Full PDB file with SEQRES, HELIX, SHEET, SSBOND, CRYST1, ORIGX, SCALE, CONECT and MASTER records, all heavy atoms in Angstrom:
SEQRES   1 A   38  CYS CYS LYS ALA ALA LEU SER ASN CYS THR GLY SER LEU          
SEQRES   2 A   38  THR ARG PRO MET ASP LEU TYR SER GLU GLY CYS GLU ALA          
SEQRES   3 A   38  LEU VAL VAL LYS LYS LEU GLN GLU ILE MET MET TYR              
HELIX    1 AA1 PRO A   16  ASP A   18  5                                   3    
HELIX    2 AA2 CYS A   24  MET A   37  1                                  14    
SSBOND   1 CYS A    2    CYS A    9                          1555   1555  2.13  
CRYST1    1.000    1.000    1.000  90.00  90.00  90.00 P 1           1          
ORIGX1      1.000000  0.000000  0.000000        0.00000                         
ORIGX2      0.000000  1.000000  0.000000        0.00000                         
ORIGX3      0.000000  0.000000  1.000000        0.00000                         
SCALE1      1.000000  0.000000  0.000000        0.00000                         
SCALE2      0.000000  1.000000  0.000000        0.00000                         
SCALE3      0.000000  0.000000  1.000000        0.00000                         
ATOM      1  N   CYS A   1     107.966 116.186 103.087  1.00  0.00           N  
ATOM      2  CA  CYS A   1     108.484 114.948 102.484  1.00  0.00           C  
ATOM      3  C   CYS A   1     108.899 113.933 103.549  1.00  0.00           C  
ATOM      4  O   CYS A   1     109.142 112.766 103.233  1.00  0.00           O  
ATOM      5  CB  CYS A   1     109.684 115.239 101.593  1.00  0.00           C  
ATOM      6  SG  CYS A   1     109.266 115.915  99.963  1.00  0.00           S  
ATOM      7  N   CYS A   2     109.003 114.388 104.792  1.00  0.00           N  
ATOM      8  CA  CYS A   2     109.462 113.501 105.861  1.00  0.00           C  
ATOM      9  C   CYS A   2     108.393 112.481 106.236  1.00  0.00           C  
ATOM     10  O   CYS A   2     107.200 112.808 106.275  1.00  0.00           O  
ATOM     11  CB  CYS A   2     109.817 114.322 107.105  1.00  0.00           C  
ATOM     12  SG  CYS A   2     111.255 115.407 106.875  1.00  0.00           S  
ATOM     13  N   LYS A   3     108.816 111.278 106.509  1.00  0.00           N  
ATOM     14  CA  LYS A   3     107.886 110.232 106.926  1.00  0.00           C  
ATOM     15  C   LYS A   3     107.228 110.628 108.245  1.00  0.00           C  
ATOM     16  O   LYS A   3     107.892 111.149 109.158  1.00  0.00           O  
ATOM     17  CB  LYS A   3     108.620 108.904 107.073  1.00  0.00           C  
ATOM     18  CG  LYS A   3     109.147 108.363 105.747  1.00  0.00           C  
ATOM     19  CD  LYS A   3     109.899 107.046 105.938  1.00  0.00           C  
ATOM     20  CE  LYS A   3     110.407 106.521 104.594  1.00  0.00           C  
ATOM     21  NZ  LYS A   3     111.194 105.270 104.753  1.00  0.00           N  
ATOM     22  N   ALA A   4     105.935 110.392 108.338  1.00  0.00           N  
ATOM     23  CA  ALA A   4     105.153 110.851 109.490  1.00  0.00           C  
ATOM     24  C   ALA A   4     105.647 110.275 110.803  1.00  0.00           C  
ATOM     25  O   ALA A   4     105.525 110.909 111.855  1.00  0.00           O  
ATOM     26  CB  ALA A   4     103.680 110.492 109.282  1.00  0.00           C  
ATOM     27  N   ALA A   5     106.224 109.087 110.783  1.00  0.00           N  
ATOM     28  CA  ALA A   5     106.650 108.422 112.014  1.00  0.00           C  
ATOM     29  C   ALA A   5     107.920 109.020 112.593  1.00  0.00           C  
ATOM     30  O   ALA A   5     108.269 108.756 113.752  1.00  0.00           O  
ATOM     31  CB  ALA A   5     106.849 106.926 111.758  1.00  0.00           C  
ATOM     32  N   LEU A   6     108.616 109.850 111.812  1.00  0.00           N  
ATOM     33  CA  LEU A   6     109.895 110.408 112.267  1.00  0.00           C  
ATOM     34  C   LEU A   6     109.698 111.827 112.808  1.00  0.00           C  
ATOM     35  O   LEU A   6     109.089 112.668 112.163  1.00  0.00           O  
ATOM     36  CB  LEU A   6     110.895 110.435 111.110  1.00  0.00           C  
ATOM     37  CG  LEU A   6     111.208 109.071 110.471  1.00  0.00           C  
ATOM     38  CD1 LEU A   6     112.128 109.251 109.273  1.00  0.00           C  
ATOM     39  CD2 LEU A   6     111.857 108.140 111.496  1.00  0.00           C  
ATOM     40  N   SER A   7     110.240 112.066 113.979  1.00  0.00           N  
ATOM     41  CA  SER A   7     110.095 113.393 114.610  1.00  0.00           C  
ATOM     42  C   SER A   7     111.330 114.268 114.438  1.00  0.00           C  
ATOM     43  O   SER A   7     111.258 115.484 114.594  1.00  0.00           O  
ATOM     44  CB  SER A   7     109.797 113.227 116.109  1.00  0.00           C  
ATOM     45  OG  SER A   7     110.832 112.495 116.740  1.00  0.00           O  
ATOM     46  N   ASN A   8     112.476 113.665 114.108  1.00  0.00           N  
ATOM     47  CA  ASN A   8     113.717 114.428 114.000  1.00  0.00           C  
ATOM     48  C   ASN A   8     114.171 114.604 112.555  1.00  0.00           C  
ATOM     49  O   ASN A   8     115.324 114.918 112.286  1.00  0.00           O  
ATOM     50  CB  ASN A   8     114.832 113.750 114.811  1.00  0.00           C  
ATOM     51  CG  ASN A   8     115.087 112.318 114.335  1.00  0.00           C  
ATOM     52  OD1 ASN A   8     114.263 111.761 113.607  1.00  0.00           O  
ATOM     53  ND2 ASN A   8     116.217 111.752 114.743  1.00  0.00           N  
ATOM     54  N   CYS A   9     113.262 114.415 111.599  1.00  0.00           N  
ATOM     55  CA  CYS A   9     113.606 114.539 110.179  1.00  0.00           C  
ATOM     56  C   CYS A   9     113.752 116.009 109.800  1.00  0.00           C  
ATOM     57  O   CYS A   9     112.913 116.836 110.159  1.00  0.00           O  
ATOM     58  CB  CYS A   9     112.542 113.864 109.325  1.00  0.00           C  
ATOM     59  SG  CYS A   9     112.775 114.080 107.548  1.00  0.00           S  
ATOM     60  N   THR A  10     114.823 116.337 109.076  1.00  0.00           N  
ATOM     61  CA  THR A  10     115.071 117.715 108.635  1.00  0.00           C  
ATOM     62  C   THR A  10     114.881 117.898 107.134  1.00  0.00           C  
ATOM     63  O   THR A  10     115.048 118.999 106.624  1.00  0.00           O  
ATOM     64  CB  THR A  10     116.507 118.132 109.009  1.00  0.00           C  
ATOM     65  OG1 THR A  10     117.438 117.258 108.347  1.00  0.00           O  
ATOM     66  CG2 THR A  10     116.720 118.071 110.512  1.00  0.00           C  
ATOM     67  N   GLY A  11     114.563 116.810 106.443  1.00  0.00           N  
ATOM     68  CA  GLY A  11     114.396 116.877 104.995  1.00  0.00           C  
ATOM     69  C   GLY A  11     115.694 116.801 104.228  1.00  0.00           C  
ATOM     70  O   GLY A  11     115.710 116.977 103.004  1.00  0.00           O  
ATOM     71  N   SER A  12     116.805 116.522 104.914  1.00  0.00           N  
ATOM     72  CA  SER A  12     118.111 116.482 104.259  1.00  0.00           C  
ATOM     73  C   SER A  12     118.203 115.316 103.272  1.00  0.00           C  
ATOM     74  O   SER A  12     117.796 114.187 103.574  1.00  0.00           O  
ATOM     75  CB  SER A  12     119.211 116.361 105.307  1.00  0.00           C  
ATOM     76  OG  SER A  12     120.479 116.203 104.679  1.00  0.00           O  
ATOM     77  N   LEU A  13     118.769 115.604 102.100  1.00  0.00           N  
ATOM     78  CA  LEU A  13     118.944 114.564 101.090  1.00  0.00           C  
ATOM     79  C   LEU A  13     120.072 113.605 101.445  1.00  0.00           C  
ATOM     80  O   LEU A  13     120.256 112.586 100.773  1.00  0.00           O  
ATOM     81  CB  LEU A  13     119.220 115.204  99.723  1.00  0.00           C  
ATOM     82  CG  LEU A  13     118.028 115.928  99.079  1.00  0.00           C  
ATOM     83  CD1 LEU A  13     118.425 116.548  97.747  1.00  0.00           C  
ATOM     84  CD2 LEU A  13     116.864 114.969  98.870  1.00  0.00           C  
ATOM     85  N   THR A  14     120.808 113.933 102.497  1.00  0.00           N  
ATOM     86  CA  THR A  14     121.853 113.005 102.954  1.00  0.00           C  
ATOM     87  C   THR A  14     121.245 111.832 103.713  1.00  0.00           C  
ATOM     88  O   THR A  14     121.941 110.854 103.978  1.00  0.00           O  
ATOM     89  CB  THR A  14     122.863 113.729 103.860  1.00  0.00           C  
ATOM     90  OG1 THR A  14     122.178 114.285 104.991  1.00  0.00           O  
ATOM     91  CG2 THR A  14     123.568 114.846 103.094  1.00  0.00           C  
ATOM     92  N   ARG A  15     119.969 111.950 104.083  1.00  0.00           N  
ATOM     93  CA  ARG A  15     119.272 110.866 104.768  1.00  0.00           C  
ATOM     94  C   ARG A  15     117.991 110.516 103.989  1.00  0.00           C  
ATOM     95  O   ARG A  15     116.867 110.782 104.437  1.00  0.00           O  
ATOM     96  CB  ARG A  15     118.918 111.267 106.205  1.00  0.00           C  
ATOM     97  CG  ARG A  15     120.149 111.431 107.107  1.00  0.00           C  
ATOM     98  CD  ARG A  15     119.734 111.771 108.528  1.00  0.00           C  
ATOM     99  NE  ARG A  15     118.850 110.755 109.098  1.00  0.00           N  
ATOM    100  CZ  ARG A  15     119.276 109.634 109.665  1.00  0.00           C  
ATOM    101  NH1 ARG A  15     120.586 109.349 109.701  1.00  0.00           N  
ATOM    102  NH2 ARG A  15     118.418 108.776 110.181  1.00  0.00           N  
ATOM    103  N   PRO A  16     118.149 109.943 102.806  1.00  0.00           N  
ATOM    104  CA  PRO A  16     116.980 109.645 101.966  1.00  0.00           C  
ATOM    105  C   PRO A  16     116.023 108.636 102.586  1.00  0.00           C  
ATOM    106  O   PRO A  16     114.845 108.604 102.220  1.00  0.00           O  
ATOM    107  CB  PRO A  16     117.603 109.088 100.680  1.00  0.00           C  
ATOM    108  CG  PRO A  16     118.955 108.605 101.084  1.00  0.00           C  
ATOM    109  CD  PRO A  16     119.408 109.540 102.165  1.00  0.00           C  
ATOM    110  N   MET A  17     116.524 107.842 103.535  1.00  0.00           N  
ATOM    111  CA  MET A  17     115.641 106.858 104.178  1.00  0.00           C  
ATOM    112  C   MET A  17     114.578 107.524 105.053  1.00  0.00           C  
ATOM    113  O   MET A  17     113.592 106.898 105.420  1.00  0.00           O  
ATOM    114  CB  MET A  17     116.468 105.877 105.013  1.00  0.00           C  
ATOM    115  CG  MET A  17     117.109 106.448 106.269  1.00  0.00           C  
ATOM    116  SD  MET A  17     118.494 107.595 105.935  1.00  0.00           S  
ATOM    117  CE  MET A  17     119.665 106.477 105.179  1.00  0.00           C  
ATOM    118  N   ASP A  18     114.764 108.819 105.388  1.00  0.00           N  
ATOM    119  CA  ASP A  18     113.776 109.552 106.188  1.00  0.00           C  
ATOM    120  C   ASP A  18     112.640 110.127 105.337  1.00  0.00           C  
ATOM    121  O   ASP A  18     111.668 110.649 105.876  1.00  0.00           O  
ATOM    122  CB  ASP A  18     114.456 110.705 106.946  1.00  0.00           C  
ATOM    123  CG  ASP A  18     115.419 110.216 108.009  1.00  0.00           C  
ATOM    124  OD1 ASP A  18     115.403 109.013 108.309  1.00  0.00           O  
ATOM    125  OD2 ASP A  18     116.179 111.046 108.537  1.00  0.00           O  
ATOM    126  N   LEU A  19     112.802 110.064 104.018  1.00  0.00           N  
ATOM    127  CA  LEU A  19     111.866 110.713 103.106  1.00  0.00           C  
ATOM    128  C   LEU A  19     110.968 109.697 102.404  1.00  0.00           C  
ATOM    129  O   LEU A  19     111.338 108.532 102.237  1.00  0.00           O  
ATOM    130  CB  LEU A  19     112.642 111.518 102.049  1.00  0.00           C  
ATOM    131  CG  LEU A  19     113.725 112.469 102.560  1.00  0.00           C  
ATOM    132  CD1 LEU A  19     114.481 113.074 101.388  1.00  0.00           C  
ATOM    133  CD2 LEU A  19     113.108 113.568 103.425  1.00  0.00           C  
ATOM    134  N   TYR A  20     109.795 110.175 101.995  1.00  0.00           N  
ATOM    135  CA  TYR A  20     108.928 109.324 101.186  1.00  0.00           C  
ATOM    136  C   TYR A  20     109.610 109.088  99.843  1.00  0.00           C  
ATOM    137  O   TYR A  20     110.100 110.036  99.215  1.00  0.00           O  
ATOM    138  CB  TYR A  20     107.566 109.988 100.970  1.00  0.00           C  
ATOM    139  CG  TYR A  20     106.748 110.138 102.225  1.00  0.00           C  
ATOM    140  CD1 TYR A  20     106.306 111.392 102.654  1.00  0.00           C  
ATOM    141  CD2 TYR A  20     106.409 109.031 102.994  1.00  0.00           C  
ATOM    142  CE1 TYR A  20     105.543 111.529 103.804  1.00  0.00           C  
ATOM    143  CE2 TYR A  20     105.644 109.164 104.148  1.00  0.00           C  
ATOM    144  CZ  TYR A  20     105.222 110.416 104.550  1.00  0.00           C  
ATOM    145  OH  TYR A  20     104.476 110.544 105.694  1.00  0.00           O  
ATOM    146  N   SER A  21     109.629 107.866  99.417  1.00  0.00           N  
ATOM    147  CA  SER A  21     110.351 107.525  98.188  1.00  0.00           C  
ATOM    148  C   SER A  21     109.491 107.632  96.933  1.00  0.00           C  
ATOM    149  O   SER A  21     110.001 107.792  95.825  1.00  0.00           O  
ATOM    150  CB  SER A  21     110.909 106.100  98.287  1.00  0.00           C  
ATOM    151  OG  SER A  21     109.863 105.169  98.524  1.00  0.00           O  
ATOM    152  N   GLU A  22     108.172 107.556  97.090  1.00  0.00           N  
ATOM    153  CA  GLU A  22     107.288 107.562  95.926  1.00  0.00           C  
ATOM    154  C   GLU A  22     106.968 108.984  95.487  1.00  0.00           C  
ATOM    155  O   GLU A  22     106.791 109.883  96.313  1.00  0.00           O  
ATOM    156  CB  GLU A  22     105.989 106.819  96.257  1.00  0.00           C  
ATOM    157  CG  GLU A  22     105.151 106.484  95.043  1.00  0.00           C  
ATOM    158  CD  GLU A  22     104.039 105.512  95.370  1.00  0.00           C  
ATOM    159  OE1 GLU A  22     103.928 105.086  96.537  1.00  0.00           O  
ATOM    160  OE2 GLU A  22     103.266 105.183  94.456  1.00  0.00           O  
ATOM    161  N   GLY A  23     106.916 109.196  94.172  1.00  0.00           N  
ATOM    162  CA  GLY A  23     106.577 110.508  93.629  1.00  0.00           C  
ATOM    163  C   GLY A  23     105.094 110.805  93.738  1.00  0.00           C  
ATOM    164  O   GLY A  23     104.263 109.891  93.836  1.00  0.00           O  
ATOM    165  N   CYS A  24     104.741 112.092  93.672  1.00  0.00           N  
ATOM    166  CA  CYS A  24     103.348 112.504  93.884  1.00  0.00           C  
ATOM    167  C   CYS A  24     102.497 112.463  92.617  1.00  0.00           C  
ATOM    168  O   CYS A  24     101.282 112.317  92.702  1.00  0.00           O  
ATOM    169  CB  CYS A  24     103.310 113.927  94.455  1.00  0.00           C  
ATOM    170  SG  CYS A  24     103.979 114.048  96.133  1.00  0.00           S  
ATOM    171  N   GLU A  25     103.123 112.592  91.456  1.00  0.00           N  
ATOM    172  CA  GLU A  25     102.334 112.680  90.225  1.00  0.00           C  
ATOM    173  C   GLU A  25     101.427 111.468  90.032  1.00  0.00           C  
ATOM    174  O   GLU A  25     100.223 111.609  89.800  1.00  0.00           O  
ATOM    175  CB  GLU A  25     103.250 112.820  89.008  1.00  0.00           C  
ATOM    176  CG  GLU A  25     102.465 112.961  87.711  1.00  0.00           C  
ATOM    177  CD  GLU A  25     103.365 113.167  86.509  1.00  0.00           C  
ATOM    178  OE1 GLU A  25     104.604 113.136  86.663  1.00  0.00           O  
ATOM    179  OE2 GLU A  25     102.834 113.354  85.407  1.00  0.00           O  
ATOM    180  N   ALA A  26     101.992 110.276  90.149  1.00  0.00           N  
ATOM    181  CA  ALA A  26     101.207 109.054  89.941  1.00  0.00           C  
ATOM    182  C   ALA A  26     100.086 108.935  90.971  1.00  0.00           C  
ATOM    183  O   ALA A  26      98.972 108.508  90.646  1.00  0.00           O  
ATOM    184  CB  ALA A  26     102.111 107.832  90.002  1.00  0.00           C  
ATOM    185  N   LEU A  27     100.354 109.357  92.208  1.00  0.00           N  
ATOM    186  CA  LEU A  27      99.348 109.247  93.270  1.00  0.00           C  
ATOM    187  C   LEU A  27      98.233 110.278  93.101  1.00  0.00           C  
ATOM    188  O   LEU A  27      97.067 109.988  93.392  1.00  0.00           O  
ATOM    189  CB  LEU A  27     100.025 109.405  94.637  1.00  0.00           C  
ATOM    190  CG  LEU A  27     101.019 108.306  95.009  1.00  0.00           C  
ATOM    191  CD1 LEU A  27     101.657 108.592  96.368  1.00  0.00           C  
ATOM    192  CD2 LEU A  27     100.337 106.944  95.037  1.00  0.00           C  
ATOM    193  N   VAL A  28      98.591 111.480  92.641  1.00  0.00           N  
ATOM    194  CA  VAL A  28      97.570 112.510  92.387  1.00  0.00           C  
ATOM    195  C   VAL A  28      96.665 112.056  91.240  1.00  0.00           C  
ATOM    196  O   VAL A  28      95.434 112.197  91.315  1.00  0.00           O  
ATOM    197  CB  VAL A  28      98.235 113.868  92.044  1.00  0.00           C  
ATOM    198  CG1 VAL A  28      97.194 114.851  91.508  1.00  0.00           C  
ATOM    199  CG2 VAL A  28      98.899 114.453  93.285  1.00  0.00           C  
ATOM    200  N   VAL A  29      97.263 111.512  90.186  1.00  0.00           N  
ATOM    201  CA  VAL A  29      96.482 110.994  89.060  1.00  0.00           C  
ATOM    202  C   VAL A  29      95.533 109.901  89.538  1.00  0.00           C  
ATOM    203  O   VAL A  29      94.346 109.895  89.189  1.00  0.00           O  
ATOM    204  CB  VAL A  29      97.413 110.446  87.954  1.00  0.00           C  
ATOM    205  CG1 VAL A  29      96.611 109.648  86.917  1.00  0.00           C  
ATOM    206  CG2 VAL A  29      98.166 111.581  87.277  1.00  0.00           C  
ATOM    207  N   LYS A  30      96.055 108.983  90.337  1.00  0.00           N  
ATOM    208  CA  LYS A  30      95.236 107.885  90.853  1.00  0.00           C  
ATOM    209  C   LYS A  30      94.079 108.412  91.692  1.00  0.00           C  
ATOM    210  O   LYS A  30      92.927 107.945  91.568  1.00  0.00           O  
ATOM    211  CB  LYS A  30      96.101 106.945  91.692  1.00  0.00           C  
ATOM    212  CG  LYS A  30      95.348 105.746  92.261  1.00  0.00           C  
ATOM    213  CD  LYS A  30      96.266 104.869  93.094  1.00  0.00           C  
ATOM    214  CE  LYS A  30      95.497 103.702  93.710  1.00  0.00           C  
ATOM    215  NZ  LYS A  30      96.374 102.862  94.569  1.00  0.00           N  
ATOM    216  N   LYS A  31      94.349 109.413  92.555  1.00  0.00           N  
ATOM    217  CA  LYS A  31      93.318 109.979  93.420  1.00  0.00           C  
ATOM    218  C   LYS A  31      92.223 110.649  92.601  1.00  0.00           C  
ATOM    219  O   LYS A  31      91.020 110.449  92.845  1.00  0.00           O  
ATOM    220  CB  LYS A  31      93.947 110.983  94.390  1.00  0.00           C  
ATOM    221  CG  LYS A  31      92.982 111.569  95.400  1.00  0.00           C  
ATOM    222  CD  LYS A  31      92.512 110.529  96.388  1.00  0.00           C  
ATOM    223  CE  LYS A  31      91.644 111.131  97.473  1.00  0.00           C  
ATOM    224  NZ  LYS A  31      91.175 110.116  98.436  1.00  0.00           N  
ATOM    225  N   LEU A  32      92.613 111.455  91.619  1.00  0.00           N  
ATOM    226  CA  LEU A  32      91.635 112.163  90.795  1.00  0.00           C  
ATOM    227  C   LEU A  32      90.810 111.190  89.957  1.00  0.00           C  
ATOM    228  O   LEU A  32      89.611 111.397  89.747  1.00  0.00           O  
ATOM    229  CB  LEU A  32      92.348 113.172  89.894  1.00  0.00           C  
ATOM    230  CG  LEU A  32      92.944 114.385  90.607  1.00  0.00           C  
ATOM    231  CD1 LEU A  32      93.793 115.207  89.647  1.00  0.00           C  
ATOM    232  CD2 LEU A  32      91.850 115.258  91.205  1.00  0.00           C  
ATOM    233  N   GLN A  33      91.445 110.119  89.482  1.00  0.00           N  
ATOM    234  CA  GLN A  33      90.699 109.114  88.717  1.00  0.00           C  
ATOM    235  C   GLN A  33      89.717 108.363  89.610  1.00  0.00           C  
ATOM    236  O   GLN A  33      88.620 108.011  89.172  1.00  0.00           O  
ATOM    237  CB  GLN A  33      91.670 108.145  88.049  1.00  0.00           C  
ATOM    238  CG  GLN A  33      92.426 108.757  86.880  1.00  0.00           C  
ATOM    239  CD  GLN A  33      93.386 107.796  86.223  1.00  0.00           C  
ATOM    240  OE1 GLN A  33      93.842 106.820  86.832  1.00  0.00           O  
ATOM    241  NE2 GLN A  33      93.732 108.050  84.976  1.00  0.00           N  
ATOM    242  N   GLU A  34      90.097 108.133  90.864  1.00  0.00           N  
ATOM    243  CA  GLU A  34      89.180 107.499  91.808  1.00  0.00           C  
ATOM    244  C   GLU A  34      87.960 108.380  92.055  1.00  0.00           C  
ATOM    245  O   GLU A  34      86.821 107.893  92.114  1.00  0.00           O  
ATOM    246  CB  GLU A  34      89.891 107.227  93.142  1.00  0.00           C  
ATOM    247  CG  GLU A  34      90.844 106.049  93.112  1.00  0.00           C  
ATOM    248  CD  GLU A  34      91.564 105.873  94.436  1.00  0.00           C  
ATOM    249  OE1 GLU A  34      91.365 106.710  95.348  1.00  0.00           O  
ATOM    250  OE2 GLU A  34      92.339 104.903  94.558  1.00  0.00           O  
ATOM    251  N   ILE A  35      88.196 109.694  92.192  1.00  0.00           N  
ATOM    252  CA  ILE A  35      87.094 110.632  92.403  1.00  0.00           C  
ATOM    253  C   ILE A  35      86.120 110.584  91.236  1.00  0.00           C  
ATOM    254  O   ILE A  35      84.893 110.553  91.412  1.00  0.00           O  
ATOM    255  CB  ILE A  35      87.638 112.066  92.588  1.00  0.00           C  
ATOM    256  CG1 ILE A  35      88.452 112.173  93.887  1.00  0.00           C  
ATOM    257  CG2 ILE A  35      86.503 113.084  92.599  1.00  0.00           C  
ATOM    258  CD1 ILE A  35      89.231 113.456  93.990  1.00  0.00           C  
ATOM    259  N   MET A  36      86.673 110.567  90.015  1.00  0.00           N  
ATOM    260  CA  MET A  36      85.825 110.521  88.838  1.00  0.00           C  
ATOM    261  C   MET A  36      85.044 109.207  88.762  1.00  0.00           C  
ATOM    262  O   MET A  36      83.898 109.173  88.302  1.00  0.00           O  
ATOM    263  CB  MET A  36      86.673 110.707  87.576  1.00  0.00           C  
ATOM    264  CG  MET A  36      85.887 111.147  86.363  1.00  0.00           C  
ATOM    265  SD  MET A  36      84.949 112.677  86.626  1.00  0.00           S  
ATOM    266  CE  MET A  36      86.269 113.835  86.923  1.00  0.00           C  
ATOM    267  N   MET A  37      85.661 108.125  89.239  1.00  0.00           N  
ATOM    268  CA  MET A  37      84.970 106.838  89.227  1.00  0.00           C  
ATOM    269  C   MET A  37      83.785 106.836  90.187  1.00  0.00           C  
ATOM    270  O   MET A  37      82.777 106.169  89.934  1.00  0.00           O  
ATOM    271  CB  MET A  37      85.940 105.710  89.599  1.00  0.00           C  
ATOM    272  CG  MET A  37      86.847 105.272  88.459  1.00  0.00           C  
ATOM    273  SD  MET A  37      85.960 104.790  86.950  1.00  0.00           S  
ATOM    274  CE  MET A  37      84.987 103.397  87.529  1.00  0.00           C  
ATOM    275  N   TYR A  38      83.875 107.590  91.306  1.00  0.00           N  
ATOM    276  CA  TYR A  38      82.746 107.708  92.220  1.00  0.00           C  
ATOM    277  C   TYR A  38      81.539 108.281  91.484  1.00  0.00           C  
ATOM    278  O   TYR A  38      80.408 107.812  91.655  1.00  0.00           O  
ATOM    279  CB  TYR A  38      83.098 108.606  93.408  1.00  0.00           C  
ATOM    280  CG  TYR A  38      84.136 108.046  94.349  1.00  0.00           C  
ATOM    281  CD1 TYR A  38      84.997 108.880  95.042  1.00  0.00           C  
ATOM    282  CD2 TYR A  38      84.257 106.681  94.548  1.00  0.00           C  
ATOM    283  CE1 TYR A  38      85.958 108.369  95.906  1.00  0.00           C  
ATOM    284  CE2 TYR A  38      85.210 106.162  95.406  1.00  0.00           C  
ATOM    285  CZ  TYR A  38      86.060 107.013  96.080  1.00  0.00           C  
ATOM    286  OH  TYR A  38      87.009 106.502  96.927  1.00  0.00           O  
TER     287      TYR A  38                                                      
CONECT   12   59                                                                
CONECT   59   12                                                                
MASTER        0    0    0    2    0    0    0    6  286    1    2    3          
END                                                                             
């Protein structure tokens, strides 16, 4: 869940700015729909 640019991220919820904020469900749906469109 840690942002790729950060090397000292521990995944702690006390530092939410270090984590990706967007959920995966919508992105997985979008990716699979793109594949089907191909």
